[in-house]
Amino acid sequence: MGNLARKYQQEKHYEQQKSGQVLTNKEKRIWITPGEKGLGLIFGAMVCFGAYHMISAQASIYEVKKDIVSMEKTIGEQKKVNNDLKMQVSELSTYERIWEKARDLGLKLNENNVKVVRDK
């Protein structure tokens, strides 16, 4: 049946060309239906939405990593300062230095005034 209708249309078109008349009102064949256009639009919007979320997630991850690196740098600097201060404390708390400061202040070493404290 389908071929018969097509053959009829071809004959009709052929006869019109013979008579010299050209059809100005041709029917356009639509390859994409409106429903497919809508689905394509929805799919495109979803792709754009997903891409936006991926990019924003990567940007926030980058910011967090940058903050972590900054904090690690600050922690490293603080550890260095702490180690320098510990070294300074150990240098300042030597017995010789304490004895020198005591002598400068006029204190004398008297073994009779020394009390021994024992751990229990």
PDB file of N, CA and C in Angstrom:
ATOM      1  N   MET A   1       0.811  -1.196   0.000  1.00  0.00           N
ATOM      2  CA  MET A   1       0.000   0.000   0.000  1.00  0.00           C
ATOM      3  C   MET A   1       0.854   1.259   0.000  1.00  0.00           C
ATOM      4  N   GLY A   2       1.921   1.220   0.833  1.00  0.00           N
ATOM      5  CA  GLY A   2       2.781   2.386   0.941  1.00  0.00           C
ATOM      6  C   GLY A   2       3.447   2.707  -0.381  1.00  0.00           C
ATOM      7  N   ASN A   3       3.861   1.679  -1.102  1.00  0.00           N
ATOM      8  CA  ASN A   3       4.524   1.903  -2.387  1.00  0.00           C
ATOM      9  C   ASN A   3       3.544   2.445  -3.421  1.00  0.00           C
ATOM     10  N   LEU A   4       2.311   1.999  -3.348  1.00  0.00           N
ATOM     11  CA  LEU A   4       1.298   2.459  -4.281  1.00  0.00           C
ATOM     12  C   LEU A   4       1.045   3.954  -4.104  1.00  0.00           C
ATOM     13  N   ALA A   5       0.981   4.396  -2.852  1.00  0.00           N
ATOM     14  CA  ALA A   5       0.756   5.817  -2.589  1.00  0.00           C
ATOM     15  C   ALA A   5       1.950   6.636  -3.061  1.00  0.00           C
ATOM     16  N   ARG A   6       3.141   6.130  -2.856  1.00  0.00           N
ATOM     17  CA  ARG A   6       4.343   6.851  -3.276  1.00  0.00           C
ATOM     18  C   ARG A   6       4.390   6.934  -4.811  1.00  0.00           C
ATOM     19  N   LYS A   7       4.027   5.829  -5.444  1.00  0.00           N
ATOM     20  CA  LYS A   7       4.038   5.812  -6.906  1.00  0.00           C
ATOM     21  C   LYS A   7       3.029   6.834  -7.439  1.00  0.00           C
ATOM     22  N   TYR A   8       1.881   6.927  -6.791  1.00  0.00           N
ATOM     23  CA  TYR A   8       0.854   7.878  -7.202  1.00  0.00           C
ATOM     24  C   TYR A   8       1.373   9.308  -7.055  1.00  0.00           C
ATOM     25  N   GLN A   9       2.073   9.586  -5.934  1.00  0.00           N
ATOM     26  CA  GLN A   9       2.618  10.930  -5.725  1.00  0.00           C
ATOM     27  C   GLN A   9       3.679  11.254  -6.773  1.00  0.00           C
ATOM     28  N   GLN A  10       4.495  10.280  -7.111  1.00  0.00           N
ATOM     29  CA  GLN A  10       5.534  10.524  -8.105  1.00  0.00           C
ATOM     30  C   GLN A  10       4.913  10.802  -9.475  1.00  0.00           C
ATOM     31  N   GLU A  11       3.868  10.054  -9.809  1.00  0.00           N
ATOM     32  CA  GLU A  11       3.201  10.287 -11.095  1.00  0.00           C
ATOM     33  C   GLU A  11       2.560  11.665 -11.124  1.00  0.00           C
ATOM     34  N   LYS A  12       1.953  12.055 -10.015  1.00  0.00           N
ATOM     35  CA  LYS A  12       1.307  13.358  -9.944  1.00  0.00           C
ATOM     36  C   LYS A  12       2.352  14.465 -10.099  1.00  0.00           C
ATOM     37  N   HIS A  13       3.475  14.306  -9.451  1.00  0.00           N
ATOM     38  CA  HIS A  13       4.557  15.289  -9.530  1.00  0.00           C
ATOM     39  C   HIS A  13       5.103  15.346 -10.963  1.00  0.00           C
ATOM     40  N   TYR A  14       5.221  14.201 -11.594  1.00  0.00           N
ATOM     41  CA  TYR A  14       5.729  14.116 -12.958  1.00  0.00           C
ATOM     42  C   TYR A  14       4.769  14.809 -13.929  1.00  0.00           C
ATOM     43  N   GLU A  15       3.465  14.616 -13.721  1.00  0.00           N
ATOM     44  CA  GLU A  15       2.469  15.242 -14.589  1.00  0.00           C
ATOM     45  C   GLU A  15       2.481  16.751 -14.426  1.00  0.00           C
ATOM     46  N   GLN A  16       2.698  17.214 -13.195  1.00  0.00           N
ATOM     47  CA  GLN A  16       2.719  18.658 -12.973  1.00  0.00           C
ATOM     48  C   GLN A  16       3.940  19.281 -13.641  1.00  0.00           C
ATOM     49  N   GLN A  17       5.033  18.565 -13.648  1.00  0.00           N
ATOM     50  CA  GLN A  17       6.216  19.107 -14.301  1.00  0.00           C
ATOM     51  C   GLN A  17       6.001  19.159 -15.820  1.00  0.00           C
ATOM     52  N   LYS A  18       5.297  18.196 -16.345  1.00  0.00           N
ATOM     53  CA  LYS A  18       5.013  18.197 -17.780  1.00  0.00           C
ATOM     54  C   LYS A  18       4.145  19.382 -18.161  1.00  0.00           C
ATOM     55  N   SER A  19       3.186  19.677 -17.357  1.00  0.00           N
ATOM     56  CA  SER A  19       2.266  20.744 -17.720  1.00  0.00           C
ATOM     57  C   SER A  19       2.902  22.118 -17.536  1.00  0.00           C
ATOM     58  N   GLY A  20       4.088  22.189 -16.908  1.00  0.00           N
ATOM     59  CA  GLY A  20       4.774  23.466 -16.770  1.00  0.00           C
ATOM     60  C   GLY A  20       4.475  24.158 -15.460  1.00  0.00           C
ATOM     61  N   GLN A  21       3.635  23.613 -14.679  1.00  0.00           N
ATOM     62  CA  GLN A  21       3.341  24.230 -13.394  1.00  0.00           C
ATOM     63  C   GLN A  21       4.296  23.661 -12.335  1.00  0.00           C
ATOM     64  N   VAL A  22       4.798  24.547 -11.526  1.00  0.00           N
ATOM     65  CA  VAL A  22       5.697  24.135 -10.448  1.00  0.00           C
ATOM     66  C   VAL A  22       4.957  24.352  -9.137  1.00  0.00           C
ATOM     67  N   LEU A  23       5.024  23.378  -8.305  1.00  0.00           N
ATOM     68  CA  LEU A  23       4.381  23.519  -7.005  1.00  0.00           C
ATOM     69  C   LEU A  23       5.187  24.488  -6.146  1.00  0.00           C
ATOM     70  N   THR A  24       4.547  25.506  -5.668  1.00  0.00           N
ATOM     71  CA  THR A  24       5.231  26.457  -4.801  1.00  0.00           C
ATOM     72  C   THR A  24       5.009  26.110  -3.335  1.00  0.00           C
ATOM     73  N   ASN A  25       4.010  25.357  -3.082  1.00  0.00           N
ATOM     74  CA  ASN A  25       3.671  24.998  -1.713  1.00  0.00           C
ATOM     75  C   ASN A  25       4.109  23.560  -1.457  1.00  0.00           C
ATOM     76  N   LYS A  26       5.414  23.371  -1.304  1.00  0.00           N
ATOM     77  CA  LYS A  26       5.909  22.026  -1.049  1.00  0.00           C
ATOM     78  C   LYS A  26       5.868  21.758   0.451  1.00  0.00           C
ATOM     79  N   GLU A  27       5.645  20.549   0.751  1.00  0.00           N
ATOM     80  CA  GLU A  27       5.598  20.149   2.149  1.00  0.00           C
ATOM     81  C   GLU A  27       7.019  19.838   2.599  1.00  0.00           C
ATOM     82  N   LYS A  28       7.455  20.482   3.681  1.00  0.00           N
ATOM     83  CA  LYS A  28       8.802  20.259   4.190  1.00  0.00           C
ATOM     84  C   LYS A  28       8.814  19.011   5.054  1.00  0.00           C
ATOM     85  N   ARG A  29       9.877  18.277   4.905  1.00  0.00           N
ATOM     86  CA  ARG A  29      10.015  17.080   5.724  1.00  0.00           C
ATOM     87  C   ARG A  29      10.798  17.466   6.979  1.00  0.00           C
ATOM     88  N   ILE A  30      10.189  17.282   8.113  1.00  0.00           N
ATOM     89  CA  ILE A  30      10.803  17.658   9.384  1.00  0.00           C
ATOM     90  C   ILE A  30      11.562  16.452   9.924  1.00  0.00           C
ATOM     91  N   TRP A  31      12.852  16.648  10.176  1.00  0.00           N
ATOM     92  CA  TRP A  31      13.683  15.554  10.675  1.00  0.00           C
ATOM     93  C   TRP A  31      13.625  15.452  12.200  1.00  0.00           C
ATOM     94  N   ILE A  32      13.426  16.575  12.863  1.00  0.00           N
ATOM     95  CA  ILE A  32      13.381  16.572  14.327  1.00  0.00           C
ATOM     96  C   ILE A  32      11.994  17.037  14.762  1.00  0.00           C
ATOM     97  N   THR A  33      11.363  16.230  15.555  1.00  0.00           N
ATOM     98  CA  THR A  33      10.027  16.577  16.035  1.00  0.00           C
ATOM     99  C   THR A  33      10.146  17.560  17.192  1.00  0.00           C
ATOM    100  N   PRO A  34       9.065  18.261  17.502  1.00  0.00           N
ATOM    101  CA  PRO A  34       9.108  19.194  18.637  1.00  0.00           C
ATOM    102  C   PRO A  34       9.421  18.489  19.968  1.00  0.00           C
ATOM    103  N   GLY A  35       8.950  17.271  20.132  1.00  0.00           N
ATOM    104  CA  GLY A  35       9.263  16.525  21.355  1.00  0.00           C
ATOM    105  C   GLY A  35      10.752  16.232  21.471  1.00  0.00           C
ATOM    106  N   GLU A  36      11.361  15.875  20.334  1.00  0.00           N
ATOM    107  CA  GLU A  36      12.806  15.622  20.338  1.00  0.00           C
ATOM    108  C   GLU A  36      13.574  16.911  20.614  1.00  0.00           C
ATOM    109  N   LYS A  37      13.085  18.029  20.092  1.00  0.00           N
ATOM    110  CA  LYS A  37      13.724  19.311  20.375  1.00  0.00           C
ATOM    111  C   LYS A  37      13.661  19.620  21.869  1.00  0.00           C
ATOM    112  N   GLY A  38      12.507  19.365  22.475  1.00  0.00           N
ATOM    113  CA  GLY A  38      12.355  19.592  23.914  1.00  0.00           C
ATOM    114  C   GLY A  38      13.290  18.709  24.722  1.00  0.00           C
ATOM    115  N   LEU A  39      13.359  17.421  24.333  1.00  0.00           N
ATOM    116  CA  LEU A  39      14.268  16.510  25.035  1.00  0.00           C
ATOM    117  C   LEU A  39      15.720  16.948  24.865  1.00  0.00           C
ATOM    118  N   GLY A  40      16.062  17.407  23.671  1.00  0.00           N
ATOM    119  CA  GLY A  40      17.424  17.900  23.431  1.00  0.00           C
ATOM    120  C   GLY A  40      17.731  19.125  24.274  1.00  0.00           C
ATOM    121  N   LEU A  41      16.747  20.007  24.393  1.00  0.00           N
ATOM    122  CA  LEU A  41      16.921  21.198  25.213  1.00  0.00           C
ATOM    123  C   LEU A  41      17.100  20.827  26.682  1.00  0.00           C
ATOM    124  N   ILE A  42      16.287  19.903  27.162  1.00  0.00           N
ATOM    125  CA  ILE A  42      16.409  19.451  28.555  1.00  0.00           C
ATOM    126  C   ILE A  42      17.763  18.782  28.779  1.00  0.00           C
ATOM    127  N   PHE A  43      18.180  17.947  27.848  1.00  0.00           N
ATOM    128  CA  PHE A  43      19.482  17.276  27.968  1.00  0.00           C
ATOM    129  C   PHE A  43      20.623  18.296  27.982  1.00  0.00           C
ATOM    130  N   GLY A  44      20.550  19.283  27.096  1.00  0.00           N
ATOM    131  CA  GLY A  44      21.577  20.332  27.060  1.00  0.00           C
ATOM    132  C   GLY A  44      21.625  21.119  28.360  1.00  0.00           C
ATOM    133  N   ALA A  45      20.441  21.418  28.911  1.00  0.00           N
ATOM    134  CA  ALA A  45      20.392  22.140  30.184  1.00  0.00           C
ATOM    135  C   ALA A  45      21.002  21.300  31.303  1.00  0.00           C
ATOM    136  N   MET A  46      20.710  19.993  31.295  1.00  0.00           N
ATOM    137  CA  MET A  46      21.277  19.115  32.328  1.00  0.00           C
ATOM    138  C   MET A  46      22.798  19.037  32.201  1.00  0.00           C
ATOM    139  N   VAL A  47      23.307  18.980  30.985  1.00  0.00           N
ATOM    140  CA  VAL A  47      24.762  18.940  30.775  1.00  0.00           C
ATOM    141  C   VAL A  47      25.396  20.235  31.285  1.00  0.00           C
ATOM    142  N   CYS A  48      24.781  21.371  30.963  1.00  0.00           N
ATOM    143  CA  CYS A  48      25.310  22.655  31.438  1.00  0.00           C
ATOM    144  C   CYS A  48      25.264  22.740  32.960  1.00  0.00           C
ATOM    145  N   PHE A  49      24.173  22.273  33.557  1.00  0.00           N
ATOM    146  CA  PHE A  49      24.023  22.282  35.014  1.00  0.00           C
ATOM    147  C   PHE A  49      25.083  21.399  35.662  1.00  0.00           C
ATOM    148  N   GLY A  50      25.292  20.214  35.116  1.00  0.00           N
ATOM    149  CA  GLY A  50      26.317  19.307  35.650  1.00  0.00           C
ATOM    150  C   GLY A  50      27.712  19.887  35.508  1.00  0.00           C
ATOM    151  N   ALA A  51      27.986  20.505  34.372  1.00  0.00           N
ATOM    152  CA  ALA A  51      29.305  21.120  34.162  1.00  0.00           C
ATOM    153  C   ALA A  51      29.531  22.254  35.155  1.00  0.00           C
ATOM    154  N   TYR A  52      28.485  23.047  35.400  1.00  0.00           N
ATOM    155  CA  TYR A  52      28.600  24.142  36.367  1.00  0.00           C
ATOM    156  C   TYR A  52      28.925  23.602  37.756  1.00  0.00           C
ATOM    157  N   HIS A  53      28.231  22.539  38.161  1.00  0.00           N
ATOM    158  CA  HIS A  53      28.479  21.971  39.488  1.00  0.00           C
ATOM    159  C   HIS A  53      29.878  21.364  39.583  1.00  0.00           C
ATOM    160  N   MET A  54      30.334  20.728  38.532  1.00  0.00           N
ATOM    161  CA  MET A  54      31.696  20.169  38.553  1.00  0.00           C
ATOM    162  C   MET A  54      32.735  21.272  38.697  1.00  0.00           C
ATOM    163  N   ILE A  55      32.562  22.331  37.936  1.00  0.00           N
ATOM    164  CA  ILE A  55      33.530  23.430  37.981  1.00  0.00           C
ATOM    165  C   ILE A  55      33.500  24.113  39.339  1.00  0.00           C
ATOM    166  N   SER A  56      32.306  24.330  39.890  1.00  0.00           N
ATOM    167  CA  SER A  56      32.233  24.977  41.199  1.00  0.00           C
ATOM    168  C   SER A  56      32.815  24.078  42.285  1.00  0.00           C
ATOM    169  N   ALA A  57      32.628  22.764  42.175  1.00  0.00           N
ATOM    170  CA  ALA A  57      33.215  21.845  43.151  1.00  0.00           C
ATOM    171  C   ALA A  57      34.740  21.868  43.056  1.00  0.00           C
ATOM    172  N   GLN A  58      35.272  21.885  41.848  1.00  0.00           N
ATOM    173  CA  GLN A  58      36.725  21.943  41.681  1.00  0.00           C
ATOM    174  C   GLN A  58      37.284  23.257  42.226  1.00  0.00           C
ATOM    175  N   ALA A  59      36.547  24.344  42.030  1.00  0.00           N
ATOM    176  CA  ALA A  59      37.005  25.638  42.550  1.00  0.00           C
ATOM    177  C   ALA A  59      37.034  25.628  44.073  1.00  0.00           C
ATOM    178  N   SER A  60      36.009  25.052  44.697  1.00  0.00           N
ATOM    179  CA  SER A  60      35.999  25.001  46.163  1.00  0.00           C
ATOM    180  C   SER A  60      37.094  24.073  46.682  1.00  0.00           C
ATOM    181  N   ILE A  61      37.362  22.976  45.982  1.00  0.00           N
ATOM    182  CA  ILE A  61      38.455  22.073  46.374  1.00  0.00           C
ATOM    183  C   ILE A  61      39.786  22.811  46.275  1.00  0.00           C
ATOM    184  N   TYR A  62      39.962  23.596  45.228  1.00  0.00           N
ATOM    185  CA  TYR A  62      41.190  24.362  45.060  1.00  0.00           C
ATOM    186  C   TYR A  62      41.369  25.346  46.215  1.00  0.00           C
ATOM    187  N   GLU A  63      40.300  26.028  46.602  1.00  0.00           N
ATOM    188  CA  GLU A  63      40.378  26.985  47.709  1.00  0.00           C
ATOM    189  C   GLU A  63      40.754  26.287  49.009  1.00  0.00           C
ATOM    190  N   VAL A  64      40.156  25.125  49.267  1.00  0.00           N
ATOM    191  CA  VAL A  64      40.464  24.384  50.493  1.00  0.00           C
ATOM    192  C   VAL A  64      41.920  23.932  50.488  1.00  0.00           C
ATOM    193  N   LYS A  65      42.395  23.440  49.353  1.00  0.00           N
ATOM    194  CA  LYS A  65      43.799  23.014  49.264  1.00  0.00           C
ATOM    195  C   LYS A  65      44.737  24.191  49.483  1.00  0.00           C
ATOM    196  N   LYS A  66      44.369  25.347  48.951  1.00  0.00           N
ATOM    197  CA  LYS A  66      45.191  26.538  49.134  1.00  0.00           C
ATOM    198  C   LYS A  66      45.246  26.917  50.612  1.00  0.00           C
ATOM    199  N   ASP A  67      44.113  26.831  51.305  1.00  0.00           N
ATOM    200  CA  ASP A  67      44.081  27.115  52.739  1.00  0.00           C
ATOM    201  C   ASP A  67      44.923  26.111  53.519  1.00  0.00           C
ATOM    202  N   ILE A  68      44.868  24.843  53.134  1.00  0.00           N
ATOM    203  CA  ILE A  68      45.646  23.803  53.813  1.00  0.00           C
ATOM    204  C   ILE A  68      47.139  24.077  53.659  1.00  0.00           C
ATOM    205  N   VAL A  69      47.561  24.423  52.459  1.00  0.00           N
ATOM    206  CA  VAL A  69      48.979  24.714  52.222  1.00  0.00           C
ATOM    207  C   VAL A  69      49.414  25.923  53.046  1.00  0.00           C
ATOM    208  N   SER A  70      48.560  26.929  53.111  1.00  0.00           N
ATOM    209  CA  SER A  70      48.876  28.118  53.900  1.00  0.00           C
ATOM    210  C   SER A  70      49.016  27.768  55.378  1.00  0.00           C
ATOM    211  N   MET A  71      48.091  26.942  55.884  1.00  0.00           N
ATOM    212  CA  MET A  71      48.154  26.530  57.292  1.00  0.00           C
ATOM    213  C   MET A  71      49.396  25.698  57.561  1.00  0.00           C
ATOM    214  N   GLU A  72      49.742  24.791  56.650  1.00  0.00           N
ATOM    215  CA  GLU A  72      50.941  23.972  56.836  1.00  0.00           C
ATOM    216  C   GLU A  72      52.191  24.843  56.867  1.00  0.00           C
ATOM    217  N   LYS A  73      52.216  25.866  56.042  1.00  0.00           N
ATOM    218  CA  LYS A  73      53.354  26.786  56.047  1.00  0.00           C
ATOM    219  C   LYS A  73      53.429  27.518  57.382  1.00  0.00           C
ATOM    220  N   THR A  74      52.293  27.997  57.879  1.00  0.00           N
ATOM    221  CA  THR A  74      52.254  28.689  59.165  1.00  0.00           C
ATOM    222  C   THR A  74      52.680  27.759  60.294  1.00  0.00           C
ATOM    223  N   ILE A  75      52.214  26.519  60.263  1.00  0.00           N
ATOM    224  CA  ILE A  75      52.577  25.538  61.289  1.00  0.00           C
ATOM    225  C   ILE A  75      54.079  25.270  61.251  1.00  0.00           C
ATOM    226  N   GLY A  76      54.641  25.135  60.068  1.00  0.00           N
ATOM    227  CA  GLY A  76      56.083  24.916  59.937  1.00  0.00           C
ATOM    228  C   GLY A  76      56.888  26.071  60.510  1.00  0.00           C
ATOM    229  N   GLU A  77      56.445  27.296  60.220  1.00  0.00           N
ATOM    230  CA  GLU A  77      57.137  28.469  60.762  1.00  0.00           C
ATOM    231  C   GLU A  77      57.039  28.501  62.283  1.00  0.00           C
ATOM    232  N   GLN A  78      55.866  28.165  62.824  1.00  0.00           N
ATOM    233  CA  GLN A  78      55.682  28.175  64.277  1.00  0.00           C
ATOM    234  C   GLN A  78      56.525  27.090  64.939  1.00  0.00           C
ATOM    235  N   LYS A  79      56.646  25.924  64.313  1.00  0.00           N
ATOM    236  CA  LYS A  79      57.497  24.861  64.861  1.00  0.00           C
ATOM    237  C   LYS A  79      58.952  25.310  64.911  1.00  0.00           C
ATOM    238  N   LYS A  80      59.368  26.016  63.875  1.00  0.00           N
ATOM    239  CA  LYS A  80      60.741  26.520  63.858  1.00  0.00           C
ATOM    240  C   LYS A  80      60.956  27.510  65.000  1.00  0.00           C
ATOM    241  N   VAL A  81      60.001  28.421  65.199  1.00  0.00           N
ATOM    242  CA  VAL A  81      60.099  29.387  66.299  1.00  0.00           C
ATOM    243  C   VAL A  81      60.127  28.657  67.638  1.00  0.00           C
ATOM    244  N   ASN A  82      59.270  27.641  67.807  1.00  0.00           N
ATOM    245  CA  ASN A  82      59.233  26.883  69.063  1.00  0.00           C
ATOM    246  C   ASN A  82      60.562  26.184  69.324  1.00  0.00           C
ATOM    247  N   ASN A  83      61.136  25.578  68.293  1.00  0.00           N
ATOM    248  CA  ASN A  83      62.427  24.904  68.466  1.00  0.00           C
ATOM    249  C   ASN A  83      63.523  25.903  68.835  1.00  0.00           C
ATOM    250  N   ASP A  84      63.492  27.075  68.202  1.00  0.00           N
ATOM    251  CA  ASP A  84      64.475  28.105  68.545  1.00  0.00           C
ATOM    252  C   ASP A  84      64.314  28.546  69.996  1.00  0.00           C
ATOM    253  N   LEU A  85      63.076  28.688  70.453  1.00  0.00           N
ATOM    254  CA  LEU A  85      62.833  29.089  71.843  1.00  0.00           C
ATOM    255  C   LEU A  85      63.261  27.999  72.823  1.00  0.00           C
ATOM    256  N   LYS A  86      63.022  26.734  72.492  1.00  0.00           N
ATOM    257  CA  LYS A  86      63.474  25.636  73.355  1.00  0.00           C
ATOM    258  C   LYS A  86      64.992  25.634  73.468  1.00  0.00           C
ATOM    259  N   MET A  87      65.646  25.879  72.358  1.00  0.00           N
ATOM    260  CA  MET A  87      67.106  25.927  72.362  1.00  0.00           C
ATOM    261  C   MET A  87      67.601  27.086  73.225  1.00  0.00           C
ATOM    262  N   GLN A  88      66.919  28.219  73.109  1.00  0.00           N
ATOM    263  CA  GLN A  88      67.291  29.390  73.898  1.00  0.00           C
ATOM    264  C   GLN A  88      67.072  29.126  75.388  1.00  0.00           C
ATOM    265  N   VAL A  89      65.976  28.457  75.738  1.00  0.00           N
ATOM    266  CA  VAL A  89      65.712  28.117  77.143  1.00  0.00           C
ATOM    267  C   VAL A  89      66.795  27.192  77.672  1.00  0.00           C
ATOM    268  N   SER A  90      67.172  26.196  76.889  1.00  0.00           N
ATOM    269  CA  SER A  90      68.207  25.268  77.355  1.00  0.00           C
ATOM    270  C   SER A  90      69.552  25.979  77.509  1.00  0.00           C
ATOM    271  N   GLU A  91      69.844  26.947  76.635  1.00  0.00           N
ATOM    272  CA  GLU A  91      71.091  27.706  76.771  1.00  0.00           C
ATOM    273  C   GLU A  91      71.059  28.610  77.992  1.00  0.00           C
ATOM    274  N   LEU A  92      69.905  29.225  78.255  1.00  0.00           N
ATOM    275  CA  LEU A  92      69.810  30.152  79.385  1.00  0.00           C
ATOM    276  C   LEU A  92      69.697  29.439  80.731  1.00  0.00           C
ATOM    277  N   SER A  93      69.318  28.183  80.732  1.00  0.00           N
ATOM    278  CA  SER A  93      69.145  27.484  82.012  1.00  0.00           C
ATOM    279  C   SER A  93      70.336  26.601  82.376  1.00  0.00           C
ATOM    280  N   THR A  94      71.482  26.851  81.797  1.00  0.00           N
ATOM    281  CA  THR A  94      72.667  26.076  82.183  1.00  0.00           C
ATOM    282  C   THR A  94      73.129  26.509  83.574  1.00  0.00           C
ATOM    283  N   TYR A  95      73.774  25.598  84.271  1.00  0.00           N
ATOM    284  CA  TYR A  95      74.216  25.852  85.641  1.00  0.00           C
ATOM    285  C   TYR A  95      75.224  26.994  85.677  1.00  0.00           C
ATOM    286  N   GLU A  96      76.133  27.040  84.729  1.00  0.00           N
ATOM    287  CA  GLU A  96      77.160  28.076  84.716  1.00  0.00           C
ATOM    288  C   GLU A  96      76.549  29.463  84.578  1.00  0.00           C
ATOM    289  N   ARG A  97      75.581  29.594  83.721  1.00  0.00           N
ATOM    290  CA  ARG A  97      74.946  30.898  83.521  1.00  0.00           C
ATOM    291  C   ARG A  97      74.193  31.326  84.775  1.00  0.00           C
ATOM    292  N   ILE A  98      73.471  30.392  85.389  1.00  0.00           N
ATOM    293  CA  ILE A  98      72.728  30.721  86.613  1.00  0.00           C
ATOM    294  C   ILE A  98      73.712  31.152  87.708  1.00  0.00           C
ATOM    295  N   TRP A  99      74.807  30.425  87.850  1.00  0.00           N
ATOM    296  CA  TRP A  99      75.805  30.771  88.869  1.00  0.00           C
ATOM    297  C   TRP A  99      76.413  32.143  88.584  1.00  0.00           C
ATOM    298  N   GLU A 100      76.647  32.468  87.320  1.00  0.00           N
ATOM    299  CA  GLU A 100      77.195  33.776  86.953  1.00  0.00           C
ATOM    300  C   GLU A 100      76.224  34.893  87.310  1.00  0.00           C
ATOM    301  N   LYS A 101      74.941  34.714  87.010  1.00  0.00           N
ATOM    302  CA  LYS A 101      73.925  35.725  87.342  1.00  0.00           C
ATOM    303  C   LYS A 101      73.796  35.880  88.854  1.00  0.00           C
ATOM    304  N   ALA A 102      73.856  34.780  89.587  1.00  0.00           N
ATOM    305  CA  ALA A 102      73.759  34.854  91.048  1.00  0.00           C
ATOM    306  C   ALA A 102      74.961  35.609  91.610  1.00  0.00           C
ATOM    307  N   ARG A 103      76.130  35.359  91.103  1.00  0.00           N
ATOM    308  CA  ARG A 103      77.334  36.047  91.567  1.00  0.00           C
ATOM    309  C   ARG A 103      77.250  37.542  91.254  1.00  0.00           C
ATOM    310  N   ASP A 104      76.696  37.904  90.072  1.00  0.00           N
ATOM    311  CA  ASP A 104      76.541  39.316  89.713  1.00  0.00           C
ATOM    312  C   ASP A 104      75.583  40.020  90.668  1.00  0.00           C
ATOM    313  N   LEU A 105      74.601  39.289  91.172  1.00  0.00           N
ATOM    314  CA  LEU A 105      73.629  39.877  92.101  1.00  0.00           C
ATOM    315  C   LEU A 105      74.128  39.857  93.548  1.00  0.00           C
ATOM    316  N   GLY A 106      75.299  39.322  93.785  1.00  0.00           N
ATOM    317  CA  GLY A 106      75.883  39.345  95.122  1.00  0.00           C
ATOM    318  C   GLY A 106      75.586  38.116  95.952  1.00  0.00           C
ATOM    319  N   LEU A 107      75.110  37.079  95.373  1.00  0.00           N
ATOM    320  CA  LEU A 107      74.836  35.854  96.123  1.00  0.00           C
ATOM    321  C   LEU A 107      76.105  35.022  96.186  1.00  0.00           C
ATOM    322  N   LYS A 108      76.247  34.282  97.301  1.00  0.00           N
ATOM    323  CA  LYS A 108      77.412  33.433  97.493  1.00  0.00           C
ATOM    324  C   LYS A 108      76.943  32.004  97.668  1.00  0.00           C
ATOM    325  N   LEU A 109      77.794  31.086  97.274  1.00  0.00           N
ATOM    326  CA  LEU A 109      77.475  29.674  97.405  1.00  0.00           C
ATOM    327  C   LEU A 109      77.836  29.231  98.816  1.00  0.00           C
ATOM    328  N   ASN A 110      76.810  28.842  99.562  1.00  0.00           N
ATOM    329  CA  ASN A 110      77.012  28.364 100.928  1.00  0.00           C
ATOM    330  C   ASN A 110      76.372  26.989 100.992  1.00  0.00           C
ATOM    331  N   GLU A 111      77.180  25.976 101.137  1.00  0.00           N
ATOM    332  CA  GLU A 111      76.676  24.609 101.126  1.00  0.00           C
ATOM    333  C   GLU A 111      75.838  24.291 102.354  1.00  0.00           C
ATOM    334  N   ASN A 112      75.941  25.075 103.409  1.00  0.00           N
ATOM    335  CA  ASN A 112      75.149  24.832 104.619  1.00  0.00           C
ATOM    336  C   ASN A 112      73.683  25.225 104.410  1.00  0.00           C
ATOM    337  N   ASN A 113      73.416  26.117 103.483  1.00  0.00           N
ATOM    338  CA  ASN A 113      72.042  26.558 103.227  1.00  0.00           C
ATOM    339  C   ASN A 113      71.346  25.723 102.144  1.00  0.00           C
ATOM    340  N   VAL A 114      72.009  24.720 101.660  1.00  0.00           N
ATOM    341  CA  VAL A 114      71.448  23.895 100.597  1.00  0.00           C
ATOM    342  C   VAL A 114      70.644  22.768 101.216  1.00  0.00           C
ATOM    343  N   LYS A 115      69.400  22.623 100.810  1.00  0.00           N
ATOM    344  CA  LYS A 115      68.552  21.534 101.280  1.00  0.00           C
ATOM    345  C   LYS A 115      68.384  20.540 100.135  1.00  0.00           C
ATOM    346  N   VAL A 116      68.502  19.296 100.454  1.00  0.00           N
ATOM    347  CA  VAL A 116      68.355  18.253  99.453  1.00  0.00           C
ATOM    348  C   VAL A 116      66.914  17.775  99.485  1.00  0.00           C
ATOM    349  N   VAL A 117      66.302  17.742  98.370  1.00  0.00           N
ATOM    350  CA  VAL A 117      64.924  17.269  98.252  1.00  0.00           C
ATOM    351  C   VAL A 117      64.980  15.909  97.580  1.00  0.00           C
ATOM    352  N   ARG A 118      64.372  14.944  98.241  1.00  0.00           N
ATOM    353  CA  ARG A 118      64.380  13.587  97.699  1.00  0.00           C
ATOM    354  C   ARG A 118      62.972  13.212  97.240  1.00  0.00           C
ATOM    355  N   ASP A 119      62.932  12.444  96.195  1.00  0.00           N
ATOM    356  CA  ASP A 119      61.641  11.956  95.693  1.00  0.00           C
ATOM    357  C   ASP A 119      61.155  10.844  96.597  1.00  0.00           C
ATOM    358  N   LYS A 120      59.879  10.807  96.895  1.00  0.00           N
ATOM    359  CA  LYS A 120      59.297   9.750  97.719  1.00  0.00           C
ATOM    360  C   LYS A 120      58.719   8.672  96.878  1.00  0.00           C
TER     361      LYS A 120
END
